[in-house]
Structure formats: structure tokens, C-alpha cells
Amino acid sequence: MRWVALTAVAPVAWGTNYYVTHQFLPPDSPLYGAALRALPAGLVLLALCRRRPRGAWWWRSAVLGLINVSVFFVLVYAASQLLPTSIAATVMAVSPLAMMLIAWALMSERPGLPHLAGAAIGLGGVCLMLLTGADGVSVPGILASAAAMLVSAFGHILTKRWNSTGTDVLASTAWQLTAGGLFLLPVAAAVEGPPPALSASALLAFGYVTLVATALAFAAWFTGLRHLPSGTVGLIGLLNPVTGVLLGTAVAGETLTIRQLCGLALVLAGVVLGRPTRADRRNTDRTSPRLAPTERPAPTSAPAHEPAACDPQ
């Protein structure tokens, strides 16, 4: 349960990200918005870990940074600006099912009936909570949100597969956030020109998005993927739209309707159905890839002054 609680930090933080992005960040600079979110977060985690990639993790960090950060952040930023929060969150609620199917293909983690039922019940709950015939639905926004959902599902399972070789999760998260931010900066400069002028509120919003909704959230999410079945982690992600609804109630003074309360109950039921069992943990351990000979850490040849694991000192 401690891994479940830690993993839940991520969707709760991401649930607030839609609101912060839509309300406080510049709407016409998605590339700079994604770069200013990713690169500082990666550098903060690197400062904590003080560990560089080794061997295959140089190119793996680049691939994961491109998928999980560069492409995903731009798509999420665009979806946040083009769609109402309710619609964007509903599209992303398909992610648990996508993660289960991709984990089945890449890691032989066959989804169990409780996970599939939880995904269906949770998606129904999200639709009940959020789909109220809101105006402002755009086709580009739907496509951006759906692409973000598929890209993130694939990238997160790929991260789980590669992190299962024993690499420190905090370090690998730092590497891919840094790589993704570095990819985005020159593209943003070429496409969007000079960086946008930021007000004090936008700077504070970027600070929150960088430290909480990115550095902390991604570290918690990838840690959960390492210790929990993919289906369980995907269903925990349904707390994202729940957070959005509760945030609207707390910040905007909205009232929860009976329909939203029923949807909230369905989502929580879906999350509970996906709770890890002993059989799930045994299956996860059995299907996790083993260390390849080239990926085994060198126990004694490394210099004594170089940390072998993430060390905040």
C-alpha cells in the first residue's frame, strides 16, 4: 500500500496541472511551455542524484526523453489550451486500458479480469463525472489529447521495462527529463522565436508545474511502475480527473452534483479493483527482464569517489 500511496502523488499533481496550465501559462507557446517544464525539473533531480547515464542509458535516456517529455508535454500543453479540462481528462482516462495492452505486448504482463473491469468501471465513472455536454470541444484538441494518451502509455511501459534492469529510478527520471528539455529548447527557439514574457503569476505557475507536477510526480509515477503491476498503476492514474473535479469544487466554488458523486464512486471502485495482489506481485517479478551481461553494474572497478547510486550528499 505504501507504493500505491506514493504512486497516487503523480495523478493528483497532474490533475492540477491542467488547471494551472490553462489559467496561468501563455497559450501560444506550447514548445517553450514544455521545455520550461521539463528542463528545470530534470536539472533539479540531477542535482539531487549527481549521477550520469552509463552504457545503453545514454541512448535510452534520449529515447525516453523524446517520448515521455518532448512529444508528450507538447501534446498535453496543446490539449490543455484547446479543450475544456473535463474533456481532456476524459480522453486521458483511456490510458489504463492502453497501458495494460502495451504491457501485455512488451512485458508479457497479461491483464487480469479485475484490472480490465476496473478500467471499464473507472472510465464509465470519469464520463459520468465530466461529460456534461460542455461547449468548446475541438477536433485538434481531441486528437492532441488522444495522441498524448497513447504516447504516454507506450513511454511509461517502456520506462518500466528498462528500469527493471536495476537502474535507479530517480536518476533515470532525471536523465529523460533533461534530455527531453534539451530536445525542446532549439525547436522552440526555431518555431516560436524568443521566449515569451512571463508575468509573476506565470513564473509561480511554472515553478509549481516544474517542481511538483513534473519532478515529484514523474519520480513517484516511475517508482510505482517499478514496484506495482502496470494495470494497478494505470488505474491509480484515474485519480487525475478526480483531482480536477475536486479542485473545481475547492477553487471555483463549484458544487458536486449527484451525477458527479456517482461517477466519483465508480472511479474509486475501479481503482480499488486494480489493487495489487500477491499473485500480481509474483507475476510482475517473473515477467520482469533480467539484467543483461552488459547492463550489470561494475561493483569494484568504479572510482571510490563516484557514487554508485543516487546519493543526495
C-alpha atoms as a PDB file:
ATOM      1  CA  MET A   1       0.000   0.000   0.000  1.00  0.00           C
ATOM      2  CA  ARG A   2       2.900   2.391   0.516  1.00  0.00           C
ATOM      3  CA  TRP A   3       3.772   2.070  -3.191  1.00  0.00           C
ATOM      4  CA  VAL A   4       0.132   2.712  -4.081  1.00  0.00           C
ATOM      5  CA  ALA A   5       0.120   5.843  -1.903  1.00  0.00           C
ATOM      6  CA  LEU A   6       3.393   7.069  -3.411  1.00  0.00           C
ATOM      7  CA  THR A   7       2.198   6.445  -6.961  1.00  0.00           C
ATOM      8  CA  ALA A   8      -1.028   8.352  -6.260  1.00  0.00           C
ATOM      9  CA  VAL A   9       1.022  11.524  -5.783  1.00  0.00           C
ATOM     10  CA  ALA A  10       1.554  11.651  -9.555  1.00  0.00           C
ATOM     11  CA  PRO A  11      -2.046  11.696 -10.866  1.00  0.00           C
ATOM     12  CA  VAL A  12      -3.089  14.099  -8.110  1.00  0.00           C
ATOM     13  CA  ALA A  13      -0.323  16.503  -9.163  1.00  0.00           C
ATOM     14  CA  TRP A  14      -1.154  16.022 -12.846  1.00  0.00           C
ATOM     15  CA  GLY A  15      -4.817  16.674 -12.115  1.00  0.00           C
ATOM     16  CA  THR A  16      -3.883  20.175 -11.004  1.00  0.00           C
ATOM     17  CA  ASN A  17      -1.594  20.703 -13.996  1.00  0.00           C
ATOM     18  CA  TYR A  18      -4.450  21.139 -16.489  1.00  0.00           C
ATOM     19  CA  TYR A  19      -5.937  23.927 -14.399  1.00  0.00           C
ATOM     20  CA  VAL A  20      -2.630  25.713 -13.804  1.00  0.00           C
ATOM     21  CA  THR A  21      -1.625  25.482 -17.479  1.00  0.00           C
ATOM     22  CA  HIS A  22      -4.989  26.699 -18.721  1.00  0.00           C
ATOM     23  CA  GLN A  23      -5.281  29.572 -16.242  1.00  0.00           C
ATOM     24  CA  PHE A  24      -1.752  30.943 -15.838  1.00  0.00           C
ATOM     25  CA  LEU A  25       0.607  29.879 -18.637  1.00  0.00           C
ATOM     26  CA  PRO A  26       0.893  31.569 -22.066  1.00  0.00           C
ATOM     27  CA  PRO A  27      -1.448  29.859 -24.542  1.00  0.00           C
ATOM     28  CA  ASP A  28       0.606  30.449 -27.704  1.00  0.00           C
ATOM     29  CA  SER A  29       3.950  28.937 -26.642  1.00  0.00           C
ATOM     30  CA  PRO A  30       3.474  25.164 -26.241  1.00  0.00           C
ATOM     31  CA  LEU A  31       7.097  24.353 -27.104  1.00  0.00           C
ATOM     32  CA  TYR A  32       8.563  26.821 -24.618  1.00  0.00           C
ATOM     33  CA  GLY A  33       5.931  25.765 -22.105  1.00  0.00           C
ATOM     34  CA  ALA A  34       7.017  22.138 -22.397  1.00  0.00           C
ATOM     35  CA  ALA A  35      10.739  22.997 -22.325  1.00  0.00           C
ATOM     36  CA  LEU A  36      10.423  25.255 -19.279  1.00  0.00           C
ATOM     37  CA  ARG A  37       8.524  22.495 -17.531  1.00  0.00           C
ATOM     38  CA  ALA A  38      10.938  19.648 -18.306  1.00  0.00           C
ATOM     39  CA  LEU A  39      14.478  21.012 -18.268  1.00  0.00           C
ATOM     40  CA  PRO A  40      14.458  22.683 -14.820  1.00  0.00           C
ATOM     41  CA  ALA A  41      12.792  19.587 -13.338  1.00  0.00           C
ATOM     42  CA  GLY A  42      15.473  17.351 -14.815  1.00  0.00           C
ATOM     43  CA  LEU A  43      18.268  19.587 -13.558  1.00  0.00           C
ATOM     44  CA  VAL A  44      16.800  19.627 -10.043  1.00  0.00           C
ATOM     45  CA  LEU A  45      16.721  15.820  -9.964  1.00  0.00           C
ATOM     46  CA  LEU A  46      20.245  15.658 -11.405  1.00  0.00           C
ATOM     47  CA  ALA A  47      21.439  17.937  -8.632  1.00  0.00           C
ATOM     48  CA  LEU A  48      19.978  15.502  -6.105  1.00  0.00           C
ATOM     49  CA  CYS A  49      21.356  12.373  -7.757  1.00  0.00           C
ATOM     50  CA  ARG A  50      24.645  13.617  -9.223  1.00  0.00           C
ATOM     51  CA  ARG A  51      24.790  10.568 -11.445  1.00  0.00           C
ATOM     52  CA  ARG A  52      25.353  10.366 -15.196  1.00  0.00           C
ATOM     53  CA  PRO A  53      23.985   7.718 -17.585  1.00  0.00           C
ATOM     54  CA  ARG A  54      26.178   4.730 -18.375  1.00  0.00           C
ATOM     55  CA  GLY A  55      26.270   2.395 -21.341  1.00  0.00           C
ATOM     56  CA  ALA A  56      22.917   1.883 -23.017  1.00  0.00           C
ATOM     57  CA  TRP A  57      21.284   4.502 -20.806  1.00  0.00           C
ATOM     58  CA  TRP A  58      22.750   7.302 -22.945  1.00  0.00           C
ATOM     59  CA  TRP A  59      20.526   6.386 -25.892  1.00  0.00           C
ATOM     60  CA  ARG A  60      17.719   5.081 -23.701  1.00  0.00           C
ATOM     61  CA  SER A  61      17.528   8.437 -21.926  1.00  0.00           C
ATOM     62  CA  ALA A  62      17.318  10.172 -25.295  1.00  0.00           C
ATOM     63  CA  VAL A  63      14.512   7.867 -26.497  1.00  0.00           C
ATOM     64  CA  LEU A  64      12.510   8.151 -23.259  1.00  0.00           C
ATOM     65  CA  GLY A  65      13.102  11.896 -23.118  1.00  0.00           C
ATOM     66  CA  LEU A  66      11.746  12.269 -26.647  1.00  0.00           C
ATOM     67  CA  ILE A  67       8.649  10.112 -25.953  1.00  0.00           C
ATOM     68  CA  ASN A  68       7.768  10.859 -22.322  1.00  0.00           C
ATOM     69  CA  VAL A  69       8.834  14.506 -22.294  1.00  0.00           C
ATOM     70  CA  SER A  70       9.302  16.266 -25.639  1.00  0.00           C
ATOM     71  CA  VAL A  71       6.346  14.827 -27.553  1.00  0.00           C
ATOM     72  CA  PHE A  72       4.079  14.179 -24.568  1.00  0.00           C
ATOM     73  CA  PHE A  73       4.496  17.600 -22.919  1.00  0.00           C
ATOM     74  CA  VAL A  74       3.792  19.463 -26.167  1.00  0.00           C
ATOM     75  CA  LEU A  75       0.654  17.394 -26.783  1.00  0.00           C
ATOM     76  CA  VAL A  76      -0.583  17.887 -23.207  1.00  0.00           C
ATOM     77  CA  TYR A  77       0.120  21.616 -23.359  1.00  0.00           C
ATOM     78  CA  ALA A  78      -1.808  21.893 -26.628  1.00  0.00           C
ATOM     79  CA  ALA A  79      -4.704  19.796 -25.304  1.00  0.00           C
ATOM     80  CA  SER A  80      -4.874  21.929 -22.141  1.00  0.00           C
ATOM     81  CA  GLN A  81      -5.251  25.070 -24.237  1.00  0.00           C
ATOM     82  CA  LEU A  82      -7.633  23.667 -26.863  1.00  0.00           C
ATOM     83  CA  LEU A  83     -10.006  21.640 -24.695  1.00  0.00           C
ATOM     84  CA  PRO A  84     -12.002  22.100 -21.519  1.00  0.00           C
ATOM     85  CA  THR A  85     -10.289  20.307 -18.647  1.00  0.00           C
ATOM     86  CA  SER A  86     -13.178  17.836 -18.394  1.00  0.00           C
ATOM     87  CA  ILE A  87     -12.836  16.641 -21.998  1.00  0.00           C
ATOM     88  CA  ALA A  88      -9.038  16.387 -21.878  1.00  0.00           C
ATOM     89  CA  ALA A  89      -9.183  14.373 -18.650  1.00  0.00           C
ATOM     90  CA  THR A  90     -11.851  12.062 -20.066  1.00  0.00           C
ATOM     91  CA  VAL A  91      -9.736  11.212 -23.104  1.00  0.00           C
ATOM     92  CA  MET A  92      -6.726  10.542 -20.864  1.00  0.00           C
ATOM     93  CA  ALA A  93      -8.877   8.191 -18.762  1.00  0.00           C
ATOM     94  CA  VAL A  94      -8.497   5.578 -21.518  1.00  0.00           C
ATOM     95  CA  SER A  95      -4.814   5.367 -20.538  1.00  0.00           C
ATOM     96  CA  PRO A  96      -5.188   2.453 -18.033  1.00  0.00           C
ATOM     97  CA  LEU A  97      -6.525   0.155 -20.738  1.00  0.00           C
ATOM     98  CA  ALA A  98      -3.808   1.281 -23.176  1.00  0.00           C
ATOM     99  CA  MET A  99      -1.099   0.665 -20.563  1.00  0.00           C
ATOM    100  CA  MET A 100      -2.420  -2.848 -19.855  1.00  0.00           C
ATOM    101  CA  LEU A 101      -2.405  -3.815 -23.526  1.00  0.00           C
ATOM    102  CA  ILE A 102       1.056  -2.364 -24.156  1.00  0.00           C
ATOM    103  CA  ALA A 103       2.441  -4.051 -21.012  1.00  0.00           C
ATOM    104  CA  TRP A 104       0.988  -7.331 -22.265  1.00  0.00           C
ATOM    105  CA  ALA A 105       2.801  -6.872 -25.602  1.00  0.00           C
ATOM    106  CA  LEU A 106       6.139  -5.585 -24.277  1.00  0.00           C
ATOM    107  CA  MET A 107       6.474  -7.319 -20.907  1.00  0.00           C
ATOM    108  CA  SER A 108       4.080 -10.289 -21.060  1.00  0.00           C
ATOM    109  CA  GLU A 109       2.051  -8.771 -18.191  1.00  0.00           C
ATOM    110  CA  ARG A 110      -1.296 -10.256 -19.065  1.00  0.00           C
ATOM    111  CA  PRO A 111      -4.083  -8.067 -17.648  1.00  0.00           C
ATOM    112  CA  GLY A 112      -6.349  -9.819 -15.188  1.00  0.00           C
ATOM    113  CA  LEU A 113     -10.115  -9.599 -15.173  1.00  0.00           C
ATOM    114  CA  PRO A 114     -10.177  -7.277 -12.110  1.00  0.00           C
ATOM    115  CA  HIS A 115      -7.849  -4.822 -13.874  1.00  0.00           C
ATOM    116  CA  LEU A 116      -9.933  -4.842 -17.055  1.00  0.00           C
ATOM    117  CA  ALA A 117     -13.144  -4.450 -15.063  1.00  0.00           C
ATOM    118  CA  GLY A 118     -11.568  -1.641 -13.055  1.00  0.00           C
ATOM    119  CA  ALA A 119     -10.557   0.150 -16.273  1.00  0.00           C
ATOM    120  CA  ALA A 120     -14.078  -0.114 -17.694  1.00  0.00           C
ATOM    121  CA  ILE A 121     -15.766   0.963 -14.454  1.00  0.00           C
ATOM    122  CA  GLY A 122     -13.295   3.798 -13.937  1.00  0.00           C
ATOM    123  CA  LEU A 123     -13.746   5.098 -17.488  1.00  0.00           C
ATOM    124  CA  GLY A 124     -17.515   4.998 -17.008  1.00  0.00           C
ATOM    125  CA  GLY A 125     -17.122   6.944 -13.791  1.00  0.00           C
ATOM    126  CA  VAL A 126     -14.975   9.580 -15.482  1.00  0.00           C
ATOM    127  CA  CYS A 127     -17.538  10.001 -18.256  1.00  0.00           C
ATOM    128  CA  LEU A 128     -20.311  10.299 -15.678  1.00  0.00           C
ATOM    129  CA  MET A 129     -18.346  12.921 -13.747  1.00  0.00           C
ATOM    130  CA  LEU A 130     -17.154  15.056 -16.611  1.00  0.00           C
ATOM    131  CA  LEU A 131     -19.159  14.618 -19.808  1.00  0.00           C
ATOM    132  CA  THR A 132     -21.969  17.107 -19.331  1.00  0.00           C
ATOM    133  CA  GLY A 133     -22.276  18.446 -22.877  1.00  0.00           C
ATOM    134  CA  ALA A 134     -19.683  21.177 -22.389  1.00  0.00           C
ATOM    135  CA  ASP A 135     -19.045  23.509 -25.312  1.00  0.00           C
ATOM    136  CA  GLY A 136     -15.623  24.261 -26.743  1.00  0.00           C
ATOM    137  CA  VAL A 137     -14.744  20.766 -27.989  1.00  0.00           C
ATOM    138  CA  SER A 138     -12.284  20.972 -30.896  1.00  0.00           C
ATOM    139  CA  VAL A 139     -11.117  18.176 -33.175  1.00  0.00           C
ATOM    140  CA  PRO A 140      -7.420  19.233 -32.946  1.00  0.00           C
ATOM    141  CA  GLY A 141      -7.742  19.235 -29.166  1.00  0.00           C
ATOM    142  CA  ILE A 142      -9.253  15.725 -29.117  1.00  0.00           C
ATOM    143  CA  LEU A 143      -6.518  14.455 -31.433  1.00  0.00           C
ATOM    144  CA  ALA A 144      -3.807  16.056 -29.281  1.00  0.00           C
ATOM    145  CA  SER A 145      -5.251  14.558 -26.115  1.00  0.00           C
ATOM    146  CA  ALA A 146      -5.643  11.078 -27.660  1.00  0.00           C
ATOM    147  CA  ALA A 147      -2.098  11.184 -29.035  1.00  0.00           C
ATOM    148  CA  ALA A 148      -0.794  12.251 -25.617  1.00  0.00           C
ATOM    149  CA  MET A 149      -2.598   9.320 -24.023  1.00  0.00           C
ATOM    150  CA  LEU A 150      -1.106   6.766 -26.427  1.00  0.00           C
ATOM    151  CA  VAL A 151       2.393   8.261 -26.345  1.00  0.00           C
ATOM    152  CA  SER A 152       2.465   8.334 -22.542  1.00  0.00           C
ATOM    153  CA  ALA A 153       1.132   4.782 -22.210  1.00  0.00           C
ATOM    154  CA  PHE A 154       3.842   3.430 -24.520  1.00  0.00           C
ATOM    155  CA  GLY A 155       6.598   5.555 -22.984  1.00  0.00           C
ATOM    156  CA  HIS A 156       5.707   4.629 -19.415  1.00  0.00           C
ATOM    157  CA  ILE A 157       5.696   0.888 -20.121  1.00  0.00           C
ATOM    158  CA  LEU A 158       9.000   1.222 -21.988  1.00  0.00           C
ATOM    159  CA  THR A 159      10.403   3.030 -18.947  1.00  0.00           C
ATOM    160  CA  LYS A 160       9.153   0.223 -16.702  1.00  0.00           C
ATOM    161  CA  ARG A 161      10.835  -2.374 -18.919  1.00  0.00           C
ATOM    162  CA  TRP A 162      14.194  -0.587 -18.969  1.00  0.00           C
ATOM    163  CA  ASN A 163      14.101   0.423 -15.285  1.00  0.00           C
ATOM    164  CA  SER A 164      13.647  -3.228 -14.351  1.00  0.00           C
ATOM    165  CA  THR A 165      17.367  -3.753 -15.120  1.00  0.00           C
ATOM    166  CA  GLY A 166      18.258  -2.253 -11.745  1.00  0.00           C
ATOM    167  CA  THR A 167      18.770   1.389 -12.718  1.00  0.00           C
ATOM    168  CA  ASP A 168      17.984   3.972 -10.042  1.00  0.00           C
ATOM    169  CA  VAL A 169      14.513   5.367 -10.783  1.00  0.00           C
ATOM    170  CA  LEU A 170      15.264   8.911  -9.662  1.00  0.00           C
ATOM    171  CA  ALA A 171      18.366   9.034 -11.844  1.00  0.00           C
ATOM    172  CA  SER A 172      16.628   7.674 -14.951  1.00  0.00           C
ATOM    173  CA  THR A 173      13.790  10.162 -14.426  1.00  0.00           C
ATOM    174  CA  ALA A 174      16.321  13.000 -14.240  1.00  0.00           C
ATOM    175  CA  TRP A 175      18.060  11.844 -17.417  1.00  0.00           C
ATOM    176  CA  GLN A 176      14.926  11.665 -19.525  1.00  0.00           C
ATOM    177  CA  LEU A 177      13.533  14.984 -18.265  1.00  0.00           C
ATOM    178  CA  THR A 178      16.842  16.691 -19.006  1.00  0.00           C
ATOM    179  CA  ALA A 179      17.150  15.068 -22.437  1.00  0.00           C
ATOM    180  CA  GLY A 180      13.573  15.964 -23.328  1.00  0.00           C
ATOM    181  CA  GLY A 181      14.052  19.570 -22.258  1.00  0.00           C
ATOM    182  CA  LEU A 182      17.267  19.859 -24.275  1.00  0.00           C
ATOM    183  CA  PHE A 183      15.481  18.498 -27.350  1.00  0.00           C
ATOM    184  CA  LEU A 184      12.719  21.068 -26.957  1.00  0.00           C
ATOM    185  CA  LEU A 185      14.774  24.230 -26.480  1.00  0.00           C
ATOM    186  CA  PRO A 186      16.244  24.588 -30.020  1.00  0.00           C
ATOM    187  CA  VAL A 187      12.933  23.549 -31.597  1.00  0.00           C
ATOM    188  CA  ALA A 188      11.096  26.156 -29.522  1.00  0.00           C
ATOM    189  CA  ALA A 189      13.600  28.848 -30.488  1.00  0.00           C
ATOM    190  CA  ALA A 190      13.290  27.968 -34.187  1.00  0.00           C
ATOM    191  CA  VAL A 191       9.491  27.715 -34.257  1.00  0.00           C
ATOM    192  CA  GLU A 192       8.322  30.218 -31.635  1.00  0.00           C
ATOM    193  CA  GLY A 193      11.152  32.751 -31.693  1.00  0.00           C
ATOM    194  CA  PRO A 194      12.232  34.487 -28.480  1.00  0.00           C
ATOM    195  CA  PRO A 195      10.911  33.134 -25.174  1.00  0.00           C
ATOM    196  CA  PRO A 196       7.576  34.609 -24.083  1.00  0.00           C
ATOM    197  CA  ALA A 197       7.492  37.356 -21.492  1.00  0.00           C
ATOM    198  CA  LEU A 198       6.283  35.863 -18.225  1.00  0.00           C
ATOM    199  CA  SER A 199       4.312  37.646 -15.533  1.00  0.00           C
ATOM    200  CA  ALA A 200       4.866  36.986 -11.845  1.00  0.00           C
ATOM    201  CA  SER A 201       1.874  34.638 -11.764  1.00  0.00           C
ATOM    202  CA  ALA A 202       3.208  32.726 -14.783  1.00  0.00           C
ATOM    203  CA  LEU A 203       6.620  32.339 -13.123  1.00  0.00           C
ATOM    204  CA  LEU A 204       4.992  30.975  -9.973  1.00  0.00           C
ATOM    205  CA  ALA A 205       2.867  28.640 -12.097  1.00  0.00           C
ATOM    206  CA  PHE A 206       5.949  27.355 -13.920  1.00  0.00           C
ATOM    207  CA  GLY A 207       7.627  26.797 -10.560  1.00  0.00           C
ATOM    208  CA  TYR A 208       4.721  24.640  -9.403  1.00  0.00           C
ATOM    209  CA  VAL A 209       4.475  22.762 -12.692  1.00  0.00           C
ATOM    210  CA  THR A 210       8.232  22.110 -12.724  1.00  0.00           C
ATOM    211  CA  LEU A 211       8.793  21.012  -9.134  1.00  0.00           C
ATOM    212  CA  VAL A 212       5.500  19.363  -8.187  1.00  0.00           C
ATOM    213  CA  ALA A 213       3.694  18.318 -11.378  1.00  0.00           C
ATOM    214  CA  THR A 214       6.904  17.173 -13.091  1.00  0.00           C
ATOM    215  CA  ALA A 215       9.919  16.383 -10.890  1.00  0.00           C
ATOM    216  CA  LEU A 216       7.992  14.965  -7.929  1.00  0.00           C
ATOM    217  CA  ALA A 217       5.162  13.466  -9.970  1.00  0.00           C
ATOM    218  CA  PHE A 218       7.303  11.618 -12.512  1.00  0.00           C
ATOM    219  CA  ALA A 219       9.653  10.268  -9.854  1.00  0.00           C
ATOM    220  CA  ALA A 220       6.662   8.927  -7.895  1.00  0.00           C
ATOM    221  CA  TRP A 221       4.993   7.500 -11.016  1.00  0.00           C
ATOM    222  CA  PHE A 222       8.062   5.643 -12.302  1.00  0.00           C
ATOM    223  CA  THR A 223       8.765   4.326  -8.805  1.00  0.00           C
ATOM    224  CA  GLY A 224       5.245   2.917  -8.711  1.00  0.00           C
ATOM    225  CA  LEU A 225       5.709   1.335 -12.138  1.00  0.00           C
ATOM    226  CA  ARG A 226       8.798  -0.418 -10.849  1.00  0.00           C
ATOM    227  CA  HIS A 227       7.076  -1.931  -7.803  1.00  0.00           C
ATOM    228  CA  LEU A 228       3.471  -2.453  -8.961  1.00  0.00           C
ATOM    229  CA  PRO A 229       1.729  -4.177 -11.889  1.00  0.00           C
ATOM    230  CA  SER A 230       1.112  -1.915 -14.866  1.00  0.00           C
ATOM    231  CA  GLY A 231      -2.654  -2.377 -14.563  1.00  0.00           C
ATOM    232  CA  THR A 232      -2.612  -1.191 -10.970  1.00  0.00           C
ATOM    233  CA  VAL A 233      -0.563   1.894 -11.824  1.00  0.00           C
ATOM    234  CA  GLY A 234      -2.786   2.718 -14.786  1.00  0.00           C
ATOM    235  CA  LEU A 235      -5.902   2.575 -12.629  1.00  0.00           C
ATOM    236  CA  ILE A 236      -4.295   4.775  -9.973  1.00  0.00           C
ATOM    237  CA  GLY A 237      -3.940   7.309 -12.793  1.00  0.00           C
ATOM    238  CA  LEU A 238      -7.741   7.702 -12.746  1.00  0.00           C
ATOM    239  CA  LEU A 239      -7.243   9.900  -9.686  1.00  0.00           C
ATOM    240  CA  ASN A 240      -6.188  12.572 -12.203  1.00  0.00           C
ATOM    241  CA  PRO A 241      -9.739  13.578 -13.284  1.00  0.00           C
ATOM    242  CA  VAL A 242     -10.996  13.085  -9.719  1.00  0.00           C
ATOM    243  CA  THR A 243      -8.498  15.723  -8.639  1.00  0.00           C
ATOM    244  CA  GLY A 244      -9.725  18.029 -11.382  1.00  0.00           C
ATOM    245  CA  VAL A 245     -13.326  17.781 -10.189  1.00  0.00           C
ATOM    246  CA  LEU A 246     -12.412  18.307  -6.539  1.00  0.00           C
ATOM    247  CA  LEU A 247     -10.148  21.219  -7.499  1.00  0.00           C
ATOM    248  CA  GLY A 248     -13.041  22.873  -9.301  1.00  0.00           C
ATOM    249  CA  THR A 249     -15.143  22.454  -6.179  1.00  0.00           C
ATOM    250  CA  ALA A 250     -12.453  23.909  -3.897  1.00  0.00           C
ATOM    251  CA  VAL A 251     -11.138  26.731  -6.114  1.00  0.00           C
ATOM    252  CA  ALA A 252     -14.012  27.727  -8.369  1.00  0.00           C
ATOM    253  CA  GLY A 253     -16.760  27.196  -5.818  1.00  0.00           C
ATOM    254  CA  GLU A 254     -18.497  24.543  -7.926  1.00  0.00           C
ATOM    255  CA  THR A 255     -20.925  22.171  -6.249  1.00  0.00           C
ATOM    256  CA  LEU A 256     -20.755  18.413  -6.659  1.00  0.00           C
ATOM    257  CA  THR A 257     -23.905  17.057  -8.272  1.00  0.00           C
ATOM    258  CA  ILE A 258     -25.405  13.652  -7.588  1.00  0.00           C
ATOM    259  CA  ARG A 259     -24.177  12.559 -11.013  1.00  0.00           C
ATOM    260  CA  GLN A 260     -20.610  13.624 -10.232  1.00  0.00           C
ATOM    261  CA  LEU A 261     -20.709  11.891  -6.854  1.00  0.00           C
ATOM    262  CA  CYS A 262     -21.836   8.656  -8.539  1.00  0.00           C
ATOM    263  CA  GLY A 263     -19.054   8.999 -11.086  1.00  0.00           C
ATOM    264  CA  LEU A 264     -16.541   9.649  -8.311  1.00  0.00           C
ATOM    265  CA  ALA A 265     -17.685   6.460  -6.550  1.00  0.00           C
ATOM    266  CA  LEU A 266     -17.279   4.452  -9.764  1.00  0.00           C
ATOM    267  CA  VAL A 267     -13.759   5.788 -10.322  1.00  0.00           C
ATOM    268  CA  LEU A 268     -12.707   4.907  -6.786  1.00  0.00           C
ATOM    269  CA  ALA A 269     -14.254   1.451  -7.228  1.00  0.00           C
ATOM    270  CA  GLY A 270     -12.189   0.973 -10.385  1.00  0.00           C
ATOM    271  CA  VAL A 271      -9.018   1.972  -8.532  1.00  0.00           C
ATOM    272  CA  VAL A 272      -9.815  -0.471  -5.702  1.00  0.00           C
ATOM    273  CA  LEU A 273     -10.393  -3.294  -8.213  1.00  0.00           C
ATOM    274  CA  GLY A 274      -6.877  -2.756  -9.517  1.00  0.00           C
ATOM    275  CA  ARG A 275      -5.184  -3.072  -6.133  1.00  0.00           C
ATOM    276  CA  PRO A 276      -2.138  -5.374  -6.295  1.00  0.00           C
ATOM    277  CA  THR A 277      -2.465  -8.932  -5.054  1.00  0.00           C
ATOM    278  CA  ARG A 278       0.213 -11.435  -4.152  1.00  0.00           C
ATOM    279  CA  ALA A 279      -0.328 -13.187  -7.459  1.00  0.00           C
ATOM    280  CA  ASP A 280       0.155  -9.868  -9.292  1.00  0.00           C
ATOM    281  CA  ARG A 281       3.439  -9.276  -7.499  1.00  0.00           C
ATOM    282  CA  ARG A 282       4.667 -12.782  -8.309  1.00  0.00           C
ATOM    283  CA  ASN A 283       3.735 -12.337 -11.968  1.00  0.00           C
ATOM    284  CA  THR A 284       5.460  -8.961 -12.112  1.00  0.00           C
ATOM    285  CA  ASP A 285       8.648 -10.394 -10.637  1.00  0.00           C
ATOM    286  CA  ARG A 286       8.551 -13.358 -13.003  1.00  0.00           C
ATOM    287  CA  THR A 287       7.988 -11.310 -16.166  1.00  0.00           C
ATOM    288  CA  SER A 288      10.479  -8.528 -15.389  1.00  0.00           C
ATOM    289  CA  PRO A 289      13.510  -8.699 -17.708  1.00  0.00           C
ATOM    290  CA  ARG A 290      16.723  -9.798 -16.076  1.00  0.00           C
ATOM    291  CA  LEU A 291      19.972  -7.904 -16.179  1.00  0.00           C
ATOM    292  CA  ALA A 292      21.824  -8.436 -19.400  1.00  0.00           C
ATOM    293  CA  PRO A 293      25.562  -9.037 -19.081  1.00  0.00           C
ATOM    294  CA  THR A 294      26.336  -5.581 -20.467  1.00  0.00           C
ATOM    295  CA  GLU A 295      23.931  -3.925 -18.020  1.00  0.00           C
ATOM    296  CA  ARG A 296      25.308  -5.358 -14.793  1.00  0.00           C
ATOM    297  CA  PRO A 297      26.865  -2.655 -12.621  1.00  0.00           C
ATOM    298  CA  ALA A 298      30.622  -2.802 -12.103  1.00  0.00           C
ATOM    299  CA  PRO A 299      30.914  -3.436  -8.362  1.00  0.00           C
ATOM    300  CA  THR A 300      34.530  -2.620  -7.705  1.00  0.00           C
ATOM    301  CA  SER A 301      36.045  -1.001 -10.772  1.00  0.00           C
ATOM    302  CA  ALA A 302      34.301   2.361 -10.308  1.00  0.00           C
ATOM    303  CA  PRO A 303      36.351   5.086  -8.605  1.00  0.00           C
ATOM    304  CA  ALA A 304      35.696   5.344  -4.900  1.00  0.00           C
ATOM    305  CA  HIS A 305      34.636   8.972  -5.130  1.00  0.00           C
ATOM    306  CA  GLU A 306      31.878   8.338  -7.741  1.00  0.00           C
ATOM    307  CA  PRO A 307      28.506   7.414  -6.198  1.00  0.00           C
ATOM    308  CA  ALA A 308      27.153   4.066  -7.363  1.00  0.00           C
ATOM    309  CA  ALA A 309      23.546   5.007  -6.602  1.00  0.00           C
ATOM    310  CA  CYS A 310      21.504   8.121  -6.234  1.00  0.00           C
ATOM    311  CA  ASP A 311      23.098   9.929  -3.288  1.00  0.00           C
ATOM    312  CA  PRO A 312      21.821  13.385  -2.292  1.00  0.00           C
ATOM    313  CA  GLN A 313      25.031  14.244  -0.468  1.00  0.00           C
END
